Every structure is written in C-alpha cells, then in structure tokens.
Amino acid sequence: MQPSADFDPARLARSLLRRCRQGALATLMSGTGDPYCSLVNVASHPDGSPILLLSRLAVHTRNLLADPRVSLMLHEQAEGDPLEGSRIMLAGRAEQEEGDAASLVRRRYLAAHPSSEAFVEFKDFSFFQIIPSATHLVAGFGRIVDLGPEQFLTDLAGANGLLEVEAGAVEHMNEDHRDAMDLYATRLLGAERADWHCVGCDPEGMDMQAGRRTLRLEFPERVRDAAELRKMLVRLAEEARAK
C-alpha cells in the first residue's frame, strides 16, 4: 500500500532524529557475530545523525570497536498501543569522535543530557557518532518507507558561520530570551508551558527541551550564519505573538 499524499516521511524521520533521547542500539557480538541489543541515551549532531556517549566497559562498545556496523531504533511514545507510535531503524557505522569534532558532539550531547556531566570525564567514556547508510521508517498502516541519508540528514554545506556561533546562540537564547522560547513552544508548536530551553540550532531548525519533553521548531527557510539566525528567531517570535 502506498503512503497517503499528505505523508512526509523525510520530515518525520528528521523530527524523530532530533527529538528522541533514548534508543535501542544493536551491535554484533565480538567473536561470534550474534546480535546484541542495549538501551542507550541519544543526542543529535548538527546534521541530525545520532551521538552516543559510551563506556568501553560496556559490551556494546567492545562490539562496535571490533565491528562498527550498528543499527539504532528510535521511537516516539504513543498513548495506548506502543506499536501505534512512529519509529525508525537507522543502519550505519559508529565512529569515535576526537579533536574538534569531539568538542562539538560533547557540547550537544551534554545539552540534551546534562546529568552526564557527572561521568563524562571518566577515562573509559568516549563519544561516538553513527554515520547513517539508510533508515526504515514505520509510521502506521500504509506509512512504511525506506530512506537514504540524503533524505533525512541536514546538509551543512555553506553553514559554517552558523555552526561557529551555535554555542553562543544557544547560551544567549537560554539566558536572555526564555520568554521567546515559551512563545515558540506554546503558540507555534502547541505545547504546554514549561521550562523550555534551547539545546541546539542548525540550518533547518532549533531543538527545545523541558525535562524529558522535546520539541523541534522548524525554520521556514534555511539559515546559514548568525545574522540569518537572529532574523529568523525574531520573525518567529513576532509570528508567535501575533497568534
């Protein structure tokens, strides 16, 4: 059965990648190749690919260091039957992050999982990024689609200016514009009032969080630098106030 005309699988996949904070990680057992599955916390790279903080003491880390092929199941909670919720199975390779790349993923991961500050400096912990090769999306009856990375990852080409100021922009929004965050959440996204704060920005949108709840504010146009981000956030705040 073909998906309905109003179904946008790429958009839904991108949203799940940005909003999900836990997932089931599947690796191959070192030595035997048997499948092994475990629960992990997840954050997102600016391009949307998953970021993990893993201990070398864990079986799944030993597995992926021997064979980096992995899959990750992400799903959104649904009232009633859990199978009614949308979910994706992401296939790819886990790569350990080092140097400047590790600094970026560390910042974004800790923004999503601040409690990890307690052990992020432990010697056995490292950050890994899953480089996707494909994903399988299930969003209900007649809504099952396979997607390639080019369909669900955010293109970062030409957006270096934005990536360079992202940390400062997130800090500025959280320190000086919490009122705007509340407007985005309640008037543009239909969420309840809460302690909403920004955890990341990218060319296509902004990620927001309040406790275990997450939201994705999509930008109507792509932004590439600080000036365009500022104009976009002011524009969306004005639209929210108008509502």
Protein backbone atom coordinates (compact mmCIF):
# COMPACT_ATOMS: atom_id res chain seq x y z
CA MET A 1 0.00 0.00 0.00
CA GLN A 2 1.34 3.44 -0.95
CA PRO A 3 1.64 6.17 1.74
CA SER A 4 -1.06 8.85 1.71
CA ALA A 5 -0.42 12.06 -0.23
CA ASP A 6 -0.08 14.22 2.91
CA PHE A 7 2.59 11.97 4.47
CA ASP A 8 6.11 13.47 4.51
CA PRO A 9 8.39 10.60 5.59
CA ALA A 10 11.65 12.58 5.34
CA ARG A 11 10.30 15.31 7.59
CA LEU A 12 9.09 12.77 10.15
CA ALA A 13 12.42 10.93 10.12
CA ARG A 14 14.30 14.20 10.67
CA SER A 15 11.99 15.07 13.56
CA LEU A 16 12.48 11.70 15.27
CA LEU A 17 16.25 12.00 14.96
CA ARG A 18 16.15 15.42 16.63
CA ARG A 19 13.59 14.68 19.35
CA CYS A 20 14.35 11.16 20.56
CA ARG A 21 16.60 10.95 23.62
CA GLN A 22 16.78 7.15 24.07
CA GLY A 23 17.09 4.28 21.64
CA ALA A 24 17.85 0.58 21.25
CA LEU A 25 21.37 0.05 19.91
CA ALA A 26 22.06 -3.20 18.05
CA THR A 27 25.66 -4.39 17.64
CA LEU A 28 27.35 -7.66 16.63
CA MET A 29 28.91 -9.71 19.41
CA SER A 30 32.67 -9.71 19.11
CA GLY A 31 33.89 -13.21 18.24
CA THR A 32 30.53 -14.78 17.41
CA GLY A 33 28.68 -12.18 15.35
CA ASP A 34 25.49 -12.82 17.31
CA PRO A 35 23.10 -9.86 17.56
CA TYR A 36 23.22 -7.85 20.79
CA CYS A 37 20.81 -5.05 21.75
CA SER A 38 21.06 -2.47 24.52
CA LEU A 39 19.41 0.76 25.66
CA VAL A 40 21.39 3.98 25.11
CA ASN A 41 20.90 7.72 25.51
CA VAL A 42 20.97 9.67 22.25
CA ALA A 43 21.60 13.24 21.14
CA SER A 44 21.96 14.67 17.63
CA HIS A 45 24.80 16.12 15.59
CA PRO A 46 24.00 19.37 13.71
CA ASP A 47 23.33 17.23 10.63
CA GLY A 48 20.86 15.09 12.60
CA SER A 49 22.95 11.93 12.90
CA PRO A 50 22.89 10.27 16.35
CA ILE A 51 25.53 10.94 19.01
CA LEU A 52 26.24 8.41 21.77
CA LEU A 53 28.37 8.57 24.93
CA LEU A 54 29.60 5.03 25.60
CA SER A 55 31.83 3.30 28.12
CA ARG A 56 34.47 0.83 26.98
CA LEU A 57 33.37 -1.36 29.88
CA ALA A 58 30.03 -1.94 28.13
CA VAL A 59 29.52 -4.95 25.87
CA HIS A 60 28.05 -2.84 23.06
CA THR A 61 31.17 -0.63 22.98
CA ARG A 62 33.51 -3.60 22.75
CA ASN A 63 31.31 -4.95 19.96
CA LEU A 64 31.32 -1.81 17.81
CA LEU A 65 35.05 -1.27 18.30
CA ALA A 66 35.55 -4.71 16.76
CA ASP A 67 32.88 -4.20 14.08
CA PRO A 68 31.46 -0.65 13.68
CA ARG A 69 28.28 -1.79 11.91
CA VAL A 70 25.29 -0.89 14.08
CA SER A 71 21.58 -0.17 13.93
CA LEU A 72 19.61 2.14 16.18
CA MET A 73 15.87 2.04 16.85
CA LEU A 74 14.25 5.36 17.80
CA HIS A 75 10.55 5.75 18.55
CA GLU A 76 8.10 8.25 19.96
CA GLN A 77 5.81 7.32 22.81
CA ALA A 78 2.20 6.71 21.85
CA GLU A 79 -0.81 6.56 24.13
CA GLY A 80 -2.25 3.07 24.20
CA ASP A 81 -0.61 0.55 21.88
CA PRO A 82 3.17 1.31 21.66
CA LEU A 83 3.16 0.00 18.09
CA GLU A 84 0.97 2.92 17.04
CA GLY A 85 3.85 5.34 17.58
CA SER A 86 6.21 6.34 14.76
CA ARG A 87 9.66 4.76 14.76
CA ILE A 88 12.79 4.46 12.67
CA MET A 89 15.52 1.85 12.39
CA LEU A 90 18.74 3.57 11.43
CA ALA A 91 21.57 1.49 9.94
CA GLY A 92 25.13 2.75 9.78
CA ARG A 93 28.64 2.72 11.23
CA ALA A 94 29.73 4.02 14.64
CA GLU A 95 32.76 6.32 14.54
CA GLN A 96 34.61 7.56 17.62
CA GLU A 97 34.90 11.35 17.74
CA GLU A 98 38.19 13.05 18.55
CA GLY A 99 39.66 16.56 18.47
CA ASP A 100 37.41 19.46 17.38
CA ALA A 101 34.65 17.06 16.34
CA ALA A 102 34.57 15.60 19.87
CA SER A 103 34.21 19.08 21.33
CA LEU A 104 31.15 19.78 19.17
CA VAL A 105 29.39 16.50 19.91
CA ARG A 106 30.24 16.77 23.62
CA ARG A 107 28.54 20.16 23.85
CA ARG A 108 25.43 19.00 22.04
CA TYR A 109 25.21 15.72 23.97
CA LEU A 110 25.52 17.41 27.36
CA ALA A 111 22.88 19.97 26.38
CA ALA A 112 20.48 17.08 25.78
CA HIS A 113 21.69 15.00 28.76
CA PRO A 114 23.04 17.39 31.42
CA SER A 115 23.20 14.62 34.05
CA SER A 116 26.04 13.05 32.03
CA GLU A 117 28.34 15.80 33.33
CA ALA A 118 28.83 13.55 36.36
CA PHE A 119 30.78 10.92 34.41
CA VAL A 120 31.72 12.39 31.01
CA GLU A 121 35.33 12.86 32.18
CA PHE A 122 35.77 9.21 33.15
CA LYS A 123 38.64 7.67 31.16
CA ASP A 124 36.55 4.80 29.81
CA PHE A 125 33.90 7.05 28.20
CA SER A 126 34.07 8.27 24.60
CA PHE A 127 31.71 9.92 22.15
CA PHE A 128 30.58 8.10 19.03
CA GLN A 129 28.64 9.35 16.03
CA ILE A 130 26.56 6.99 13.93
CA ILE A 131 27.16 7.69 10.24
CA PRO A 132 23.90 6.52 8.64
CA SER A 133 23.67 4.45 5.48
CA ALA A 134 19.86 4.06 5.46
CA THR A 135 16.78 4.16 7.63
CA HIS A 136 13.49 2.27 7.73
CA LEU A 137 10.53 4.38 8.87
CA VAL A 138 7.29 2.93 10.25
CA ALA A 139 4.59 5.49 10.94
CA GLY A 140 1.40 3.44 10.88
CA PHE A 141 -0.65 1.46 8.37
CA GLY A 142 0.38 2.29 4.81
CA ARG A 143 3.20 4.51 6.08
CA ILE A 144 6.33 2.38 5.83
CA VAL A 145 9.21 3.87 3.86
CA ASP A 146 12.93 3.28 3.32
CA LEU A 147 15.01 6.46 3.14
CA GLY A 148 18.59 7.28 2.15
CA PRO A 149 20.81 9.62 4.22
CA GLU A 150 20.39 12.45 1.72
CA GLN A 151 16.66 12.43 2.51
CA PHE A 152 16.82 12.77 6.30
CA LEU A 153 20.17 14.36 7.18
CA THR A 154 20.63 18.14 7.24
CA ASP A 155 23.03 19.49 4.62
CA LEU A 156 25.63 21.60 6.45
CA ALA A 157 27.27 22.95 3.29
CA GLY A 158 27.66 26.73 3.48
CA ALA A 159 26.56 26.85 7.13
CA ASN A 160 29.96 27.11 8.84
CA GLY A 161 29.05 30.58 10.04
CA LEU A 162 26.07 29.17 11.92
CA LEU A 163 28.00 26.26 13.41
CA GLU A 164 30.69 28.63 14.69
CA VAL A 165 28.16 30.70 16.66
CA GLU A 166 25.77 27.92 17.68
CA ALA A 167 27.11 27.56 21.25
CA GLY A 168 26.86 31.28 21.88
CA ALA A 169 23.41 31.48 20.29
CA VAL A 170 22.09 28.67 22.49
CA GLU A 171 23.50 30.31 25.61
CA HIS A 172 22.06 33.70 24.60
CA MET A 173 18.59 32.29 23.98
CA ASN A 174 18.57 30.48 27.32
CA GLU A 175 19.88 33.41 29.34
CA ASP A 176 18.05 36.33 27.71
CA HIS A 177 15.09 35.05 25.70
CA ARG A 178 13.26 32.41 27.71
CA ASP A 179 10.05 34.33 27.00
CA ALA A 180 10.57 33.74 23.30
CA MET A 181 11.24 30.04 23.94
CA ASP A 182 7.90 29.82 25.72
CA LEU A 183 6.17 31.53 22.79
CA TYR A 184 7.72 29.15 20.27
CA ALA A 185 6.65 26.14 22.32
CA THR A 186 3.12 27.17 23.23
CA ARG A 187 1.94 29.24 20.26
CA LEU A 188 3.84 27.78 17.33
CA LEU A 189 4.15 24.14 18.42
CA GLY A 190 1.05 23.75 20.60
CA ALA A 191 2.94 22.54 23.68
CA GLU A 192 2.11 23.30 27.29
CA ARG A 193 4.01 25.96 29.20
CA ALA A 194 7.16 24.56 30.82
CA ASP A 195 10.79 25.40 31.44
CA TRP A 196 11.60 25.27 27.73
CA HIS A 197 15.18 25.92 26.74
CA CYS A 198 17.27 25.64 23.59
CA VAL A 199 19.63 22.67 23.22
CA GLY A 200 20.82 23.23 19.64
CA CYS A 201 20.44 25.11 16.36
CA ASP A 202 21.13 24.00 12.80
CA PRO A 203 20.31 25.33 9.32
CA GLU A 204 16.83 23.79 9.36
CA GLY A 205 15.59 24.46 12.88
CA MET A 206 16.03 24.66 16.63
CA ASP A 207 15.75 21.88 19.22
CA MET A 208 13.99 22.63 22.52
CA GLN A 209 13.72 20.66 25.73
CA ALA A 210 11.96 20.79 29.10
CA GLY A 211 12.86 17.88 31.34
CA ARG A 212 12.18 14.71 29.31
CA ARG A 213 9.98 16.53 26.77
CA THR A 214 11.46 17.63 23.45
CA LEU A 215 10.29 19.83 20.59
CA ARG A 216 11.56 20.63 17.12
CA LEU A 217 11.00 24.17 15.80
CA GLU A 218 11.47 24.03 12.03
CA PHE A 219 12.59 27.14 10.18
CA PRO A 220 10.54 28.11 7.10
CA GLU A 221 13.82 28.90 5.32
CA ARG A 222 17.37 27.66 5.71
CA VAL A 223 19.71 29.79 7.87
CA ARG A 224 23.48 29.85 7.37
CA ASP A 225 25.01 32.35 9.80
CA ALA A 226 24.44 34.44 12.92
CA ALA A 227 22.65 37.27 11.11
CA GLU A 228 20.19 34.94 9.39
CA LEU A 229 19.57 33.04 12.64
CA ARG A 230 18.86 36.25 14.53
CA LYS A 231 16.40 37.43 11.87
CA MET A 232 14.67 34.05 11.81
CA LEU A 233 14.23 33.87 15.59
CA VAL A 234 12.89 37.44 15.73
CA ARG A 235 10.50 36.67 12.86
CA LEU A 236 9.19 33.52 14.56
CA ALA A 237 8.77 35.34 17.88
CA GLU A 238 6.70 38.00 16.14
CA GLU A 239 4.57 35.33 14.46
CA ALA A 240 4.04 33.65 17.83
CA ARG A 241 2.99 36.91 19.48
CA ALA A 242 0.55 37.55 16.63
CA LYS A 243 -1.20 34.28 17.47
